[in-house]
Amino acid sequence: MSKFVYICHPYSANPSANKVKFYKIFRFIKNNFKEVVPFSPVHAFGEFYDDRKEEDRREVLKLCTDVLKRCDEVWVFGNWQSSEGCRLEVKTAENEGIKVRFFNDEEVGL
C-alpha cells in the first residue's frame, strides 16, 4: 500500500531556485522510495496564488495544512527553519501526531 507524504521545503524566498530543488527531491523519492506518493504544495497551489499578497499567502497556508493533516508523513528538506510556512507545517504535523522525517541536502543531492 502506498504511503502519502507531504513535502515540506522552503519556497517563497527564491521560487525559481526552490522549484528546481523540488524536482531533485522528487527524483530522490522516486529513486529511493517506491511506495511513497509525494505531495508538493508548491506544485499544487503555487500557480494559483501570489505569495507576495498576504491574503493569498494565508489562504495557501490554510490549504497546505488541511492537506498535510491527511498525509501519512511529512518529509522536511532544506533550510526549513528559515521559512514561516515550513515551521507552521512541522508544528502542525507534530500537533496532529503525524510522523516528521528530516533530510539533509547532501543525502538528497541538493
PDB file of N, CA and C in Angstrom:
ATOM      1  N   MET A   1       0.842  -1.177   0.000  1.00  0.00           N
ATOM      2  CA  MET A   1       0.000   0.000   0.000  1.00  0.00           C
ATOM      3  C   MET A   1       0.891   1.245   0.000  1.00  0.00           C
ATOM      4  N   SER A   2       0.478   2.251  -0.733  1.00  0.00           N
ATOM      5  CA  SER A   2       1.248   3.482  -0.842  1.00  0.00           C
ATOM      6  C   SER A   2       1.161   4.323   0.424  1.00  0.00           C
ATOM      7  N   LYS A   3       2.240   5.062   0.667  1.00  0.00           N
ATOM      8  CA  LYS A   3       2.303   5.999   1.778  1.00  0.00           C
ATOM      9  C   LYS A   3       2.251   7.407   1.182  1.00  0.00           C
ATOM     10  N   PHE A   4       1.330   8.239   1.674  1.00  0.00           N
ATOM     11  CA  PHE A   4       1.199   9.601   1.186  1.00  0.00           C
ATOM     12  C   PHE A   4       2.061  10.522   2.045  1.00  0.00           C
ATOM     13  N   VAL A   5       2.997  11.200   1.386  1.00  0.00           N
ATOM     14  CA  VAL A   5       3.988  12.020   2.077  1.00  0.00           C
ATOM     15  C   VAL A   5       3.896  13.463   1.598  1.00  0.00           C
ATOM     16  N   TYR A   6       3.765  14.347   2.556  1.00  0.00           N
ATOM     17  CA  TYR A   6       3.734  15.788   2.308  1.00  0.00           C
ATOM     18  C   TYR A   6       5.171  16.288   2.272  1.00  0.00           C
ATOM     19  N   ILE A   7       5.542  17.006   1.220  1.00  0.00           N
ATOM     20  CA  ILE A   7       6.899  17.515   1.056  1.00  0.00           C
ATOM     21  C   ILE A   7       6.975  18.942   1.582  1.00  0.00           C
ATOM     22  N   CYS A   8       7.781  19.135   2.599  1.00  0.00           N
ATOM     23  CA  CYS A   8       7.973  20.439   3.234  1.00  0.00           C
ATOM     24  C   CYS A   8       9.357  20.954   2.847  1.00  0.00           C
ATOM     25  N   HIS A   9       9.396  22.104   2.171  1.00  0.00           N
ATOM     26  CA  HIS A   9      10.652  22.718   1.745  1.00  0.00           C
ATOM     27  C   HIS A   9      10.409  24.205   1.554  1.00  0.00           C
ATOM     28  N   PRO A  10      11.356  25.061   1.907  1.00  0.00           N
ATOM     29  CA  PRO A  10      11.166  26.497   1.691  1.00  0.00           C
ATOM     30  C   PRO A  10      10.887  26.810   0.221  1.00  0.00           C
ATOM     31  N   TYR A  11      10.110  27.853   0.001  1.00  0.00           N
ATOM     32  CA  TYR A  11       9.767  28.213  -1.371  1.00  0.00           C
ATOM     33  C   TYR A  11       9.864  29.709  -1.643  1.00  0.00           C
ATOM     34  N   SER A  12       9.152  30.531  -0.885  1.00  0.00           N
ATOM     35  CA  SER A  12       8.930  31.924  -1.270  1.00  0.00           C
ATOM     36  C   SER A  12      10.186  32.795  -1.289  1.00  0.00           C
ATOM     37  N   ALA A  13      11.233  32.432  -0.561  1.00  0.00           N
ATOM     38  CA  ALA A  13      12.447  33.246  -0.552  1.00  0.00           C
ATOM     39  C   ALA A  13      13.129  33.273  -1.919  1.00  0.00           C
ATOM     40  N   ASN A  14      12.987  32.175  -2.674  1.00  0.00           N
ATOM     41  CA  ASN A  14      13.599  32.092  -4.007  1.00  0.00           C
ATOM     42  C   ASN A  14      12.823  31.064  -4.833  1.00  0.00           C
ATOM     43  N   PRO A  15      11.642  31.439  -5.334  1.00  0.00           N
ATOM     44  CA  PRO A  15      10.767  30.471  -6.012  1.00  0.00           C
ATOM     45  C   PRO A  15      11.414  29.700  -7.160  1.00  0.00           C
ATOM     46  N   SER A  16      12.141  30.364  -8.043  1.00  0.00           N
ATOM     47  CA  SER A  16      12.681  29.645  -9.204  1.00  0.00           C
ATOM     48  C   SER A  16      13.734  28.616  -8.774  1.00  0.00           C
ATOM     49  N   ALA A  17      14.635  28.978  -7.878  1.00  0.00           N
ATOM     50  CA  ALA A  17      15.650  28.027  -7.409  1.00  0.00           C
ATOM     51  C   ALA A  17      15.014  26.911  -6.593  1.00  0.00           C
ATOM     52  N   ASN A  18      14.009  27.245  -5.802  1.00  0.00           N
ATOM     53  CA  ASN A  18      13.386  26.225  -4.959  1.00  0.00           C
ATOM     54  C   ASN A  18      12.525  25.259  -5.750  1.00  0.00           C
ATOM     55  N   LYS A  19      11.947  25.688  -6.867  1.00  0.00           N
ATOM     56  CA  LYS A  19      11.234  24.733  -7.732  1.00  0.00           C
ATOM     57  C   LYS A  19      12.203  23.697  -8.279  1.00  0.00           C
ATOM     58  N   VAL A  20      13.399  24.130  -8.644  1.00  0.00           N
ATOM     59  CA  VAL A  20      14.424  23.190  -9.129  1.00  0.00           C
ATOM     60  C   VAL A  20      14.759  22.186  -8.035  1.00  0.00           C
ATOM     61  N   LYS A  21      14.867  22.656  -6.793  1.00  0.00           N
ATOM     62  CA  LYS A  21      15.148  21.749  -5.681  1.00  0.00           C
ATOM     63  C   LYS A  21      14.012  20.763  -5.478  1.00  0.00           C
ATOM     64  N   PHE A  22      12.770  21.206  -5.672  1.00  0.00           N
ATOM     65  CA  PHE A  22      11.634  20.288  -5.564  1.00  0.00           C
ATOM     66  C   PHE A  22      11.761  19.154  -6.575  1.00  0.00           C
ATOM     67  N   TYR A  23      12.173  19.464  -7.792  1.00  0.00           N
ATOM     68  CA  TYR A  23      12.334  18.411  -8.801  1.00  0.00           C
ATOM     69  C   TYR A  23      13.406  17.414  -8.378  1.00  0.00           C
ATOM     70  N   LYS A  24      14.485  17.893  -7.779  1.00  0.00           N
ATOM     71  CA  LYS A  24      15.531  16.986  -7.288  1.00  0.00           C
ATOM     72  C   LYS A  24      15.004  16.129  -6.141  1.00  0.00           C
ATOM     73  N   ILE A  25      14.204  16.721  -5.278  1.00  0.00           N
ATOM     74  CA  ILE A  25      13.602  15.968  -4.168  1.00  0.00           C
ATOM     75  C   ILE A  25      12.694  14.869  -4.723  1.00  0.00           C
ATOM     76  N   PHE A  26      11.900  15.191  -5.741  1.00  0.00           N
ATOM     77  CA  PHE A  26      11.007  14.193  -6.328  1.00  0.00           C
ATOM     78  C   PHE A  26      11.792  13.060  -6.970  1.00  0.00           C
ATOM     79  N   ARG A  27      12.891  13.376  -7.651  1.00  0.00           N
ATOM     80  CA  ARG A  27      13.720  12.316  -8.231  1.00  0.00           C
ATOM     81  C   ARG A  27      14.319  11.441  -7.127  1.00  0.00           C
ATOM     82  N   PHE A  28      14.774  12.054  -6.054  1.00  0.00           N
ATOM     83  CA  PHE A  28      15.308  11.316  -4.909  1.00  0.00           C
ATOM     84  C   PHE A  28      14.257  10.351  -4.356  1.00  0.00           C
ATOM     85  N   ILE A  29      13.040  10.841  -4.182  1.00  0.00           N
ATOM     86  CA  ILE A  29      11.967   9.991  -3.653  1.00  0.00           C
ATOM     87  C   ILE A  29      11.637   8.874  -4.638  1.00  0.00           C
ATOM     88  N   LYS A  30      11.473   9.224  -5.902  1.00  0.00           N
ATOM     89  CA  LYS A  30      11.128   8.237  -6.937  1.00  0.00           C
ATOM     90  C   LYS A  30      12.179   7.123  -7.002  1.00  0.00           C
ATOM     91  N   ASN A  31      13.440   7.492  -6.870  1.00  0.00           N
ATOM     92  CA  ASN A  31      14.518   6.513  -6.990  1.00  0.00           C
ATOM     93  C   ASN A  31      14.751   5.689  -5.730  1.00  0.00           C
ATOM     94  N   ASN A  32      14.289   6.165  -4.587  1.00  0.00           N
ATOM     95  CA  ASN A  32      14.625   5.503  -3.326  1.00  0.00           C
ATOM     96  C   ASN A  32      13.444   5.006  -2.502  1.00  0.00           C
ATOM     97  N   PHE A  33      12.245   5.470  -2.826  1.00  0.00           N
ATOM     98  CA  PHE A  33      11.078   5.123  -2.013  1.00  0.00           C
ATOM     99  C   PHE A  33       9.897   4.809  -2.937  1.00  0.00           C
ATOM    100  N   LYS A  34       9.868   3.618  -3.449  1.00  0.00           N
ATOM    101  CA  LYS A  34       8.856   3.234  -4.446  1.00  0.00           C
ATOM    102  C   LYS A  34       7.433   3.258  -3.903  1.00  0.00           C
ATOM    103  N   GLU A  35       7.264   3.069  -2.596  1.00  0.00           N
ATOM    104  CA  GLU A  35       5.923   3.000  -2.009  1.00  0.00           C
ATOM    105  C   GLU A  35       5.349   4.375  -1.666  1.00  0.00           C
ATOM    106  N   VAL A  36       6.131   5.437  -1.898  1.00  0.00           N
ATOM    107  CA  VAL A  36       5.724   6.781  -1.490  1.00  0.00           C
ATOM    108  C   VAL A  36       5.040   7.533  -2.630  1.00  0.00           C
ATOM    109  N   VAL A  37       3.925   8.170  -2.288  1.00  0.00           N
ATOM    110  CA  VAL A  37       3.254   9.113  -3.189  1.00  0.00           C
ATOM    111  C   VAL A  37       3.517  10.500  -2.598  1.00  0.00           C
ATOM    112  N   PRO A  38       4.426  11.283  -3.224  1.00  0.00           N
ATOM    113  CA  PRO A  38       4.748  12.591  -2.666  1.00  0.00           C
ATOM    114  C   PRO A  38       3.717  13.640  -3.056  1.00  0.00           C
ATOM    115  N   PHE A  39       3.449  14.548  -2.129  1.00  0.00           N
ATOM    116  CA  PHE A  39       2.565  15.678  -2.410  1.00  0.00           C
ATOM    117  C   PHE A  39       3.358  16.967  -2.234  1.00  0.00           C
ATOM    118  N   SER A  40       3.364  17.786  -3.255  1.00  0.00           N
ATOM    119  CA  SER A  40       4.066  19.058  -3.218  1.00  0.00           C
ATOM    120  C   SER A  40       3.071  20.209  -3.213  1.00  0.00           C
ATOM    121  N   PRO A  41       2.982  20.954  -2.115  1.00  0.00           N
ATOM    122  CA  PRO A  41       2.076  22.103  -2.077  1.00  0.00           C
ATOM    123  C   PRO A  41       2.471  23.174  -3.085  1.00  0.00           C
ATOM    124  N   VAL A  42       3.763  23.301  -3.357  1.00  0.00           N
ATOM    125  CA  VAL A  42       4.217  24.293  -4.339  1.00  0.00           C
ATOM    126  C   VAL A  42       3.624  23.993  -5.703  1.00  0.00           C
ATOM    127  N   HIS A  43       3.653  22.737  -6.096  1.00  0.00           N
ATOM    128  CA  HIS A  43       3.127  22.369  -7.402  1.00  0.00           C
ATOM    129  C   HIS A  43       1.603  22.347  -7.426  1.00  0.00           C
ATOM    130  N   ALA A  44       0.998  22.074  -6.295  1.00  0.00           N
ATOM    131  CA  ALA A  44      -0.466  22.016  -6.235  1.00  0.00           C
ATOM    132  C   ALA A  44      -1.095  23.402  -6.218  1.00  0.00           C
ATOM    133  N   PHE A  45      -0.475  24.340  -5.515  1.00  0.00           N
ATOM    134  CA  PHE A  45      -1.104  25.642  -5.298  1.00  0.00           C
ATOM    135  C   PHE A  45      -0.302  26.829  -5.830  1.00  0.00           C
ATOM    136  N   GLY A  46       0.963  26.630  -6.157  1.00  0.00           N
ATOM    137  CA  GLY A  46       1.858  27.732  -6.500  1.00  0.00           C
ATOM    138  C   GLY A  46       1.449  28.580  -7.691  1.00  0.00           C
ATOM    139  N   GLU A  47       0.807  27.987  -8.650  1.00  0.00           N
ATOM    140  CA  GLU A  47       0.441  28.735  -9.861  1.00  0.00           C
ATOM    141  C   GLU A  47      -0.858  29.517  -9.706  1.00  0.00           C
ATOM    142  N   PHE A  48      -1.584  29.277  -8.645  1.00  0.00           N
ATOM    143  CA  PHE A  48      -2.905  29.882  -8.487  1.00  0.00           C
ATOM    144  C   PHE A  48      -2.934  31.041  -7.508  1.00  0.00           C
ATOM    145  N   TYR A  49      -1.856  31.217  -6.764  1.00  0.00           N
ATOM    146  CA  TYR A  49      -1.830  32.242  -5.724  1.00  0.00           C
ATOM    147  C   TYR A  49      -0.563  33.067  -5.838  1.00  0.00           C
ATOM    148  N   ASP A  50      -0.636  34.306  -5.437  1.00  0.00           N
ATOM    149  CA  ASP A  50       0.505  35.207  -5.432  1.00  0.00           C
ATOM    150  C   ASP A  50       1.054  35.264  -4.006  1.00  0.00           C
ATOM    151  N   ASP A  51       2.185  34.625  -3.787  1.00  0.00           N
ATOM    152  CA  ASP A  51       2.769  34.508  -2.447  1.00  0.00           C
ATOM    153  C   ASP A  51       3.163  35.865  -1.863  1.00  0.00           C
ATOM    154  N   ARG A  52       3.250  36.892  -2.710  1.00  0.00           N
ATOM    155  CA  ARG A  52       3.603  38.230  -2.221  1.00  0.00           C
ATOM    156  C   ARG A  52       2.412  38.944  -1.598  1.00  0.00           C
ATOM    157  N   LYS A  53       1.211  38.442  -1.849  1.00  0.00           N
ATOM    158  CA  LYS A  53      -0.002  39.024  -1.271  1.00  0.00           C
ATOM    159  C   LYS A  53      -0.348  38.276   0.012  1.00  0.00           C
ATOM    160  N   GLU A  54      -0.454  39.009   1.105  1.00  0.00           N
ATOM    161  CA  GLU A  54      -0.681  38.386   2.414  1.00  0.00           C
ATOM    162  C   GLU A  54      -1.953  37.538   2.434  1.00  0.00           C
ATOM    163  N   GLU A  55      -3.015  38.026   1.820  1.00  0.00           N
ATOM    164  CA  GLU A  55      -4.275  37.271   1.801  1.00  0.00           C
ATOM    165  C   GLU A  55      -4.106  35.935   1.082  1.00  0.00           C
ATOM    166  N   ASP A  56      -3.440  35.955  -0.063  1.00  0.00           N
ATOM    167  CA  ASP A  56      -3.181  34.718  -0.800  1.00  0.00           C
ATOM    168  C   ASP A  56      -2.287  33.782   0.013  1.00  0.00           C
ATOM    169  N   ARG A  57      -1.260  34.343   0.615  1.00  0.00           N
ATOM    170  CA  ARG A  57      -0.322  33.523   1.400  1.00  0.00           C
ATOM    171  C   ARG A  57      -1.039  32.813   2.542  1.00  0.00           C
ATOM    172  N   ARG A  58      -1.888  33.507   3.251  1.00  0.00           N
ATOM    173  CA  ARG A  58      -2.642  32.901   4.358  1.00  0.00           C
ATOM    174  C   ARG A  58      -3.581  31.806   3.840  1.00  0.00           C
ATOM    175  N   GLU A  59      -4.223  32.074   2.705  1.00  0.00           N
ATOM    176  CA  GLU A  59      -5.136  31.073   2.136  1.00  0.00           C
ATOM    177  C   GLU A  59      -4.378  29.808   1.734  1.00  0.00           C
ATOM    178  N   VAL A  60      -3.221  29.983   1.116  1.00  0.00           N
ATOM    179  CA  VAL A  60      -2.419  28.825   0.707  1.00  0.00           C
ATOM    180  C   VAL A  60      -1.933  28.048   1.930  1.00  0.00           C
ATOM    181  N   LEU A  61      -1.465  28.753   2.958  1.00  0.00           N
ATOM    182  CA  LEU A  61      -1.018  28.047   4.161  1.00  0.00           C
ATOM    183  C   LEU A  61      -2.147  27.238   4.782  1.00  0.00           C
ATOM    184  N   LYS A  62      -3.352  27.753   4.733  1.00  0.00           N
ATOM    185  CA  LYS A  62      -4.520  27.014   5.241  1.00  0.00           C
ATOM    186  C   LYS A  62      -4.758  25.760   4.405  1.00  0.00           C
ATOM    187  N   LEU A  63      -4.715  25.908   3.073  1.00  0.00           N
ATOM    188  CA  LEU A  63      -4.884  24.742   2.193  1.00  0.00           C
ATOM    189  C   LEU A  63      -3.791  23.709   2.462  1.00  0.00           C
ATOM    190  N   CYS A  64      -2.570  24.186   2.618  1.00  0.00           N
ATOM    191  CA  CYS A  64      -1.447  23.272   2.850  1.00  0.00           C
ATOM    192  C   CYS A  64      -1.630  22.483   4.142  1.00  0.00           C
ATOM    193  N   THR A  65      -1.987  23.164   5.207  1.00  0.00           N
ATOM    194  CA  THR A  65      -2.145  22.435   6.471  1.00  0.00           C
ATOM    195  C   THR A  65      -3.346  21.499   6.422  1.00  0.00           C
ATOM    196  N   ASP A  66      -4.389  21.850   5.678  1.00  0.00           N
ATOM    197  CA  ASP A  66      -5.524  20.939   5.518  1.00  0.00           C
ATOM    198  C   ASP A  66      -5.091  19.653   4.817  1.00  0.00           C
ATOM    199  N   VAL A  67      -4.298  19.779   3.750  1.00  0.00           N
ATOM    200  CA  VAL A  67      -3.816  18.600   3.024  1.00  0.00           C
ATOM    201  C   VAL A  67      -2.832  17.818   3.892  1.00  0.00           C
ATOM    202  N   LEU A  68      -1.938  18.528   4.544  1.00  0.00           N
ATOM    203  CA  LEU A  68      -0.936  17.892   5.395  1.00  0.00           C
ATOM    204  C   LEU A  68      -1.587  16.956   6.411  1.00  0.00           C
ATOM    205  N   LYS A  69      -2.694  17.370   6.983  1.00  0.00           N
ATOM    206  CA  LYS A  69      -3.384  16.574   8.008  1.00  0.00           C
ATOM    207  C   LYS A  69      -3.919  15.252   7.456  1.00  0.00           C
ATOM    208  N   ARG A  70      -3.992  15.120   6.152  1.00  0.00           N
ATOM    209  CA  ARG A  70      -4.493  13.903   5.526  1.00  0.00           C
ATOM    210  C   ARG A  70      -3.369  12.979   5.044  1.00  0.00           C
ATOM    211  N   CYS A  71      -2.133  13.429   5.216  1.00  0.00           N
ATOM    212  CA  CYS A  71      -0.985  12.641   4.771  1.00  0.00           C
ATOM    213  C   CYS A  71      -0.494  11.727   5.896  1.00  0.00           C
ATOM    214  N   ASP A  72       0.212  10.681   5.499  1.00  0.00           N
ATOM    215  CA  ASP A  72       0.750   9.718   6.455  1.00  0.00           C
ATOM    216  C   ASP A  72       1.991  10.247   7.168  1.00  0.00           C
ATOM    217  N   GLU A  73       2.804  11.003   6.434  1.00  0.00           N
ATOM    218  CA  GLU A  73       4.050  11.541   6.983  1.00  0.00           C
ATOM    219  C   GLU A  73       4.328  12.896   6.352  1.00  0.00           C
ATOM    220  N   VAL A  74       5.217  13.645   7.006  1.00  0.00           N
ATOM    221  CA  VAL A  74       5.735  14.900   6.462  1.00  0.00           C
ATOM    222  C   VAL A  74       7.246  14.744   6.369  1.00  0.00           C
ATOM    223  N   TRP A  75       7.785  14.959   5.175  1.00  0.00           N
ATOM    224  CA  TRP A  75       9.223  14.886   4.976  1.00  0.00           C
ATOM    225  C   TRP A  75       9.727  16.303   4.761  1.00  0.00           C
ATOM    226  N   VAL A  76      10.755  16.677   5.509  1.00  0.00           N
ATOM    227  CA  VAL A  76      11.240  18.047   5.552  1.00  0.00           C
ATOM    228  C   VAL A  76      12.627  18.126   4.905  1.00  0.00           C
ATOM    229  N   PHE A  77      12.771  19.104   4.013  1.00  0.00           N
ATOM    230  CA  PHE A  77      14.012  19.282   3.259  1.00  0.00           C
ATOM    231  C   PHE A  77      14.458  20.740   3.331  1.00  0.00           C
ATOM    232  N   GLY A  78      15.753  20.950   3.101  1.00  0.00           N
ATOM    233  CA  GLY A  78      16.278  22.308   3.003  1.00  0.00           C
ATOM    234  C   GLY A  78      16.327  23.029   4.341  1.00  0.00           C
ATOM    235  N   ASN A  79      16.538  24.328   4.262  1.00  0.00           N
ATOM    236  CA  ASN A  79      16.657  25.180   5.445  1.00  0.00           C
ATOM    237  C   ASN A  79      15.262  25.566   5.930  1.00  0.00           C
ATOM    238  N   TRP A  80      14.533  24.595   6.414  1.00  0.00           N
ATOM    239  CA  TRP A  80      13.128  24.783   6.764  1.00  0.00           C
ATOM    240  C   TRP A  80      12.927  25.758   7.921  1.00  0.00           C
ATOM    241  N   GLN A  81      13.920  25.880   8.808  1.00  0.00           N
ATOM    242  CA  GLN A  81      13.778  26.773   9.962  1.00  0.00           C
ATOM    243  C   GLN A  81      13.652  28.232   9.539  1.00  0.00           C
ATOM    244  N   SER A  82      14.143  28.571   8.354  1.00  0.00           N
ATOM    245  CA  SER A  82      14.104  29.951   7.874  1.00  0.00           C
ATOM    246  C   SER A  82      12.758  30.309   7.239  1.00  0.00           C
ATOM    247  N   SER A  83      11.880  29.339   7.104  1.00  0.00           N
ATOM    248  CA  SER A  83      10.609  29.539   6.400  1.00  0.00           C
ATOM    249  C   SER A  83       9.427  29.498   7.363  1.00  0.00           C
ATOM    250  N   GLU A  84       8.657  30.582   7.378  1.00  0.00           N
ATOM    251  CA  GLU A  84       7.456  30.622   8.218  1.00  0.00           C
ATOM    252  C   GLU A  84       6.509  29.476   7.870  1.00  0.00           C
ATOM    253  N   GLY A  85       6.321  29.235   6.575  1.00  0.00           N
ATOM    254  CA  GLY A  85       5.426  28.167   6.137  1.00  0.00           C
ATOM    255  C   GLY A  85       5.900  26.797   6.584  1.00  0.00           C
ATOM    256  N   CYS A  86       7.193  26.525   6.436  1.00  0.00           N
ATOM    257  CA  CYS A  86       7.740  25.231   6.859  1.00  0.00           C
ATOM    258  C   CYS A  86       7.613  25.044   8.365  1.00  0.00           C
ATOM    259  N   ARG A  87       7.901  26.087   9.111  1.00  0.00           N
ATOM    260  CA  ARG A  87       7.774  25.974  10.572  1.00  0.00           C
ATOM    261  C   ARG A  87       6.328  25.657  10.956  1.00  0.00           C
ATOM    262  N   LEU A  88       5.376  26.303  10.289  1.00  0.00           N
ATOM    263  CA  LEU A  88       3.960  26.029  10.544  1.00  0.00           C
ATOM    264  C   LEU A  88       3.620  24.585  10.180  1.00  0.00           C
ATOM    265  N   GLU A  89       4.133  24.101   9.054  1.00  0.00           N
ATOM    266  CA  GLU A  89       3.846  22.734   8.614  1.00  0.00           C
ATOM    267  C   GLU A  89       4.410  21.699   9.592  1.00  0.00           C
ATOM    268  N   VAL A  90       5.635  21.907  10.046  1.00  0.00           N
ATOM    269  CA  VAL A  90       6.242  20.970  11.003  1.00  0.00           C
ATOM    270  C   VAL A  90       5.453  20.990  12.315  1.00  0.00           C
ATOM    271  N   LYS A  91       5.113  22.166  12.781  1.00  0.00           N
ATOM    272  CA  LYS A  91       4.351  22.282  14.025  1.00  0.00           C
ATOM    273  C   LYS A  91       2.977  21.621  13.891  1.00  0.00           C
ATOM    274  N   THR A  92       2.323  21.821  12.758  1.00  0.00           N
ATOM    275  CA  THR A  92       1.012  21.207  12.516  1.00  0.00           C
ATOM    276  C   THR A  92       1.134  19.689  12.542  1.00  0.00           C
ATOM    277  N   ALA A  93       2.145  19.156  11.864  1.00  0.00           N
ATOM    278  CA  ALA A  93       2.347  17.701  11.847  1.00  0.00           C
ATOM    279  C   ALA A  93       2.570  17.177  13.259  1.00  0.00           C
ATOM    280  N   GLU A  94       3.414  17.833  14.012  1.00  0.00           N
ATOM    281  CA  GLU A  94       3.683  17.393  15.385  1.00  0.00           C
ATOM    282  C   GLU A  94       2.413  17.451  16.231  1.00  0.00           C
ATOM    283  N   ASN A  95       1.646  18.519  16.096  1.00  0.00           N
ATOM    284  CA  ASN A  95       0.395  18.653  16.859  1.00  0.00           C
ATOM    285  C   ASN A  95      -0.631  17.588  16.479  1.00  0.00           C
ATOM    286  N   GLU A  96      -0.604  17.161  15.224  1.00  0.00           N
ATOM    287  CA  GLU A  96      -1.550  16.154  14.734  1.00  0.00           C
ATOM    288  C   GLU A  96      -1.052  14.725  14.945  1.00  0.00           C
ATOM    289  N   GLY A  97       0.160  14.575  15.453  1.00  0.00           N
ATOM    290  CA  GLY A  97       0.720  13.240  15.666  1.00  0.00           C
ATOM    291  C   GLY A  97       1.172  12.570  14.379  1.00  0.00           C
ATOM    292  N   ILE A  98       1.484  13.368  13.370  1.00  0.00           N
ATOM    293  CA  ILE A  98       1.957  12.848  12.084  1.00  0.00           C
ATOM    294  C   ILE A  98       3.478  12.750  12.132  1.00  0.00           C
ATOM    295  N   LYS A  99       4.005  11.624  11.694  1.00  0.00           N
ATOM    296  CA  LYS A  99       5.450  11.415  11.700  1.00  0.00           C
ATOM    297  C   LYS A  99       6.129  12.466  10.832  1.00  0.00           C
ATOM    298  N   VAL A 100       7.200  13.068  11.349  1.00  0.00           N
ATOM    299  CA  VAL A 100       8.002  14.047  10.623  1.00  0.00           C
ATOM    300  C   VAL A 100       9.394  13.469  10.442  1.00  0.00           C
ATOM    301  N   ARG A 101       9.872  13.488   9.207  1.00  0.00           N
ATOM    302  CA  ARG A 101      11.196  12.952   8.887  1.00  0.00           C
ATOM    303  C   ARG A 101      12.024  14.061   8.235  1.00  0.00           C
ATOM    304  N   PHE A 102      13.230  14.264   8.730  1.00  0.00           N
ATOM    305  CA  PHE A 102      14.101  15.327   8.227  1.00  0.00           C
ATOM    306  C   PHE A 102      15.208  14.734   7.350  1.00  0.00           C
ATOM    307  N   PHE A 103      15.485  15.403   6.223  1.00  0.00           N
ATOM    308  CA  PHE A 103      16.544  15.001   5.304  1.00  0.00           C
ATOM    309  C   PHE A 103      17.541  16.151   5.178  1.00  0.00           C
ATOM    310  N   ASN A 104      18.815  15.822   5.048  1.00  0.00           N
ATOM    311  CA  ASN A 104      19.797  16.888   4.803  1.00  0.00           C
ATOM    312  C   ASN A 104      20.085  16.992   3.306  1.00  0.00           C
ATOM    313  N   ASP A 105      20.612  18.137   2.900  1.00  0.00           N
ATOM    314  CA  ASP A 105      20.839  18.403   1.479  1.00  0.00           C
ATOM    315  C   ASP A 105      21.779  17.388   0.827  1.00  0.00           C
ATOM    316  N   GLU A 106      22.805  16.966   1.546  1.00  0.00           N
ATOM    317  CA  GLU A 106      23.758  16.009   0.976  1.00  0.00           C
ATOM    318  C   GLU A 106      23.086  14.668   0.687  1.00  0.00           C
ATOM    319  N   GLU A 107      22.221  14.255   1.567  1.00  0.00           N
ATOM    320  CA  GLU A 107      21.507  12.991   1.408  1.00  0.00           C
ATOM    321  C   GLU A 107      20.679  12.974   0.129  1.00  0.00           C
ATOM    322  N   VAL A 108      20.111  14.124  -0.201  1.00  0.00           N
ATOM    323  CA  VAL A 108      19.206  14.248  -1.341  1.00  0.00           C
ATOM    324  C   VAL A 108      19.943  14.673  -2.603  1.00  0.00           C
ATOM    325  N   GLY A 109      21.105  15.296  -2.453  1.00  0.00           N
ATOM    326  CA  GLY A 109      21.849  15.806  -3.601  1.00  0.00           C
ATOM    327  C   GLY A 109      21.412  17.197  -4.008  1.00  0.00           C
ATOM    328  N   LEU A 110      21.020  18.003  -3.024  1.00  0.00           N
ATOM    329  CA  LEU A 110      20.609  19.386  -3.320  1.00  0.00           C
ATOM    330  C   LEU A 110      21.786  20.326  -3.354  1.00  0.00           C
TER     331      LEU A 110
END
